[in-house]
Protein backbone atom coordinates (compact mmCIF):
# COMPACT_ATOMS: atom_id res chain seq x y z
CA MET A 1 -0.77 -49.77 55.53
CA ARG A 2 -0.08 -52.96 53.58
CA ARG A 3 3.65 -52.67 54.33
CA ILE A 4 2.90 -52.36 58.04
CA ILE A 5 0.79 -55.50 57.90
CA GLN A 6 3.46 -57.35 55.92
CA GLY A 7 6.10 -56.20 58.39
CA ASN A 8 4.00 -57.42 61.28
CA ILE A 9 3.53 -60.75 59.54
CA PHE A 10 7.29 -61.18 59.25
CA LEU A 11 7.64 -60.42 62.96
CA PHE A 12 4.75 -62.71 63.84
CA ILE A 13 5.97 -65.75 61.88
CA PRO A 14 9.22 -66.27 63.86
CA LEU A 15 7.27 -65.84 67.11
CA LEU A 16 4.74 -68.38 65.91
CA ILE A 17 7.47 -70.82 64.92
CA ALA A 18 9.15 -70.42 68.30
CA LEU A 19 5.88 -71.08 70.09
CA ILE A 20 5.24 -74.10 67.91
CA PHE A 21 8.68 -75.54 68.64
CA GLN A 22 8.00 -75.04 72.33
CA ALA A 23 4.72 -76.86 71.94
CA SER A 24 6.43 -79.56 69.90
CA ALA A 25 8.41 -80.62 72.93
CA GLN A 26 5.10 -81.94 74.21
CA GLN A 27 3.67 -83.14 70.88
CA SER A 28 5.08 -84.03 67.49
CA PHE A 29 3.78 -82.19 64.47
CA ARG A 30 4.31 -81.97 60.75
CA VAL A 31 4.65 -78.82 58.69
CA ALA A 32 3.86 -78.38 54.99
CA VAL A 33 3.91 -75.55 52.49
CA ILE A 34 1.74 -74.49 49.59
CA ASP A 35 2.36 -71.93 46.88
CA SER A 36 -1.03 -70.24 46.46
CA GLN A 37 0.23 -68.18 43.52
CA LYS A 38 1.21 -71.32 41.63
CA THR A 39 -2.09 -72.94 42.60
CA PHE A 40 -3.94 -69.93 41.25
CA GLU A 41 -1.96 -69.78 38.01
CA SER A 42 -2.12 -73.54 37.38
CA SER A 43 -5.71 -74.36 38.34
CA GLU A 44 -8.47 -74.28 35.75
CA GLU A 45 -10.48 -71.68 37.66
CA GLY A 46 -7.34 -69.61 38.17
CA LYS A 47 -6.55 -69.74 34.46
CA LYS A 48 -10.10 -68.61 33.66
CA ALA A 49 -9.73 -65.74 36.11
CA LEU A 50 -6.37 -64.74 34.65
CA ASN A 51 -7.81 -64.80 31.12
CA LEU A 52 -10.71 -62.61 32.24
CA LEU A 53 -8.26 -60.19 33.84
CA CYS A 54 -6.10 -60.12 30.69
CA GLU A 55 -9.16 -59.37 28.55
CA LYS A 56 -10.23 -56.58 30.89
CA GLU A 57 -6.71 -55.15 30.91
CA GLN A 58 -6.59 -55.17 27.10
CA LYS A 59 -9.94 -53.35 26.89
CA ILE A 60 -8.63 -50.70 29.25
CA LYS A 61 -5.42 -50.30 27.23
CA ASP A 62 -7.39 -50.03 23.99
CA GLU A 63 -9.68 -47.35 25.41
CA LEU A 64 -6.74 -45.36 26.77
CA ALA A 65 -4.87 -45.69 23.46
CA LYS A 66 -7.92 -44.35 21.64
CA LEU A 67 -8.03 -41.31 23.93
CA ASP A 68 -4.26 -40.84 23.59
CA ASN A 69 -4.61 -40.83 19.79
CA GLN A 70 -7.40 -38.26 19.97
CA ALA A 71 -5.24 -36.06 22.20
CA ARG A 72 -2.22 -36.42 19.90
CA THR A 73 -4.34 -35.54 16.86
CA LEU A 74 -5.66 -32.38 18.52
CA GLU A 75 -2.22 -31.45 19.81
CA THR A 76 -0.70 -31.88 16.34
CA LYS A 77 -3.49 -29.83 14.78
CA LEU A 78 -3.03 -27.11 17.37
CA ASN A 79 0.74 -26.99 16.87
CA THR A 80 0.75 -27.17 13.06
CA GLN A 81 -2.13 -24.77 12.42
CA LYS A 82 -1.38 -22.30 15.18
CA LEU A 83 -0.52 -19.51 12.79
CA THR A 84 -3.52 -20.03 10.50
CA LEU A 85 -6.23 -20.58 13.12
CA SER A 86 -8.15 -17.76 14.69
CA PHE A 87 -7.71 -17.05 18.38
CA GLU A 88 -11.16 -18.52 19.11
CA ALA A 89 -10.36 -21.70 17.14
CA GLN A 90 -7.07 -22.09 19.01
CA GLN A 91 -8.86 -21.63 22.32
CA GLN A 92 -11.48 -24.22 21.32
CA LEU A 93 -8.82 -26.74 20.31
CA ALA A 94 -6.98 -26.14 23.59
CA LEU A 95 -10.22 -26.68 25.53
CA ASP A 96 -10.97 -29.84 23.55
CA LEU A 97 -7.46 -31.13 24.21
CA ASP A 98 -7.77 -30.39 27.90
CA SER A 99 -11.15 -32.12 27.96
CA ILE A 100 -9.76 -35.26 26.33
CA ARG A 101 -6.81 -35.35 28.74
CA THR A 102 -9.18 -34.98 31.70
CA LYS A 103 -11.40 -37.72 30.30
CA ARG A 104 -8.37 -39.97 29.87
CA ARG A 105 -7.29 -39.46 33.50
CA ARG A 106 -10.80 -40.25 34.73
CA VAL A 107 -11.11 -43.32 32.53
CA GLU A 108 -7.71 -44.53 33.74
CA GLU A 109 -8.61 -43.99 37.41
CA ASP A 110 -12.04 -45.57 37.09
CA SER A 111 -10.72 -48.49 35.07
CA THR A 112 -7.91 -49.09 37.56
CA LYS A 113 -10.38 -49.18 40.45
CA GLU A 114 -12.71 -51.45 38.52
CA PHE A 115 -9.83 -53.75 37.55
CA ARG A 116 -8.60 -54.02 41.14
CA LYS A 117 -12.10 -54.83 42.39
CA LEU A 118 -12.46 -57.55 39.76
CA GLN A 119 -9.00 -58.89 40.57
CA PHE A 120 -9.78 -59.00 44.29
CA ARG A 121 -13.15 -60.64 43.68
CA LEU A 122 -11.65 -63.34 41.44
CA PHE A 123 -8.68 -64.02 43.73
CA SER A 124 -10.96 -64.17 46.78
CA LYS A 125 -13.31 -66.59 45.06
CA VAL A 126 -10.52 -68.99 44.14
CA ARG A 127 -8.90 -68.63 47.57
CA SER A 128 -12.16 -69.34 49.39
CA GLU A 129 -12.59 -72.48 47.28
CA VAL A 130 -8.99 -73.63 47.82
CA LEU A 131 -8.75 -73.11 51.60
CA PRO A 132 -11.14 -75.96 52.51
CA ILE A 133 -9.15 -78.25 50.21
CA ILE A 134 -5.91 -77.26 51.97
CA GLU A 135 -7.52 -77.83 55.35
CA ASN A 136 -8.88 -81.27 54.38
CA LEU A 137 -5.57 -82.29 52.84
CA ALA A 138 -3.66 -81.14 55.92
CA LYS A 139 -5.97 -83.11 58.20
CA GLU A 140 -5.78 -86.17 55.93
CA LYS A 141 -1.95 -86.10 55.82
CA GLY A 142 -1.58 -85.14 59.48
CA PHE A 143 -0.03 -81.70 59.03
CA ALA A 144 -0.34 -79.34 61.97
CA ILE A 145 0.60 -76.23 59.98
CA VAL A 146 0.57 -75.32 56.30
CA PHE A 147 2.55 -72.22 55.34
CA ASP A 148 1.68 -70.27 52.20
CA LEU A 149 4.89 -69.44 50.32
CA SER A 150 3.23 -66.73 48.22
CA ALA A 151 1.52 -64.89 51.04
CA GLY A 152 4.26 -65.37 53.63
CA GLY A 153 1.73 -66.62 56.14
CA VAL A 154 -0.13 -69.62 57.40
CA ALA A 155 -2.72 -71.23 55.15
CA TYR A 156 -3.87 -73.78 57.75
CA PHE A 157 -3.02 -74.77 61.30
CA HIS A 158 -4.26 -77.46 63.61
CA PRO A 159 -6.36 -75.88 66.37
CA ASP A 160 -4.30 -77.67 69.06
CA PHE A 161 -1.40 -75.39 68.13
CA ASP A 162 -3.40 -72.17 68.37
CA LEU A 163 -2.16 -70.29 71.40
CA THR A 164 -4.27 -67.20 70.76
CA GLU A 165 -6.73 -67.74 73.62
CA GLU A 166 -3.95 -68.46 76.10
CA VAL A 167 -2.03 -65.36 74.95
CA ILE A 168 -5.19 -63.23 75.32
CA LYS A 169 -5.88 -64.64 78.76
CA ARG A 170 -2.32 -63.99 79.96
CA TYR A 171 -2.25 -60.53 78.39
CA ASN A 172 -5.52 -59.60 80.06
CA ALA A 173 -4.22 -60.99 83.36
CA SER A 174 -1.05 -58.91 83.04
CA LYS A 175 -3.11 -55.75 82.54
CA VAL A 176 -5.32 -56.51 85.55
CA ALA A 177 -2.24 -57.20 87.71
CA LYS A 178 -0.78 -53.74 86.90
CA LYS A 179 -3.91 -51.88 88.00
């Protein structure tokens, strides 16, 4: 799904640029760029968020390593004492090993989901705080459009260059004309 959206963005950007150049024949405009990834990594809030993510990632790795060690210990015990253990003891060790492996998979899945939610929440927070700054800066400096190098899209555009309503109106009119 994300690839489809990214693909559509890459198709949309040239169309947008062409429409802007057509509009520029009537008006002059200025274009700027911003690297939101660099902004995130270099800003104080972004650094705090990255540190929080690194700490969370390390906790996850530590917990998984602990479970991996438990599994290795049981596996070693099962392999080295196979001949001396009773059938019931072997079965119990195998069940315990299976249980630890299952627990590890669940912890990994849950931690991954949790980590992604935290990552999204932190990125969204910083982005929502940065977008008004981009918009104000663009207005102050007279930029009509600000492209985001990291996202491959537009971070800001002057409303005079938004052709969406006109495109919708013409598209709707074309559908009515065919009926």
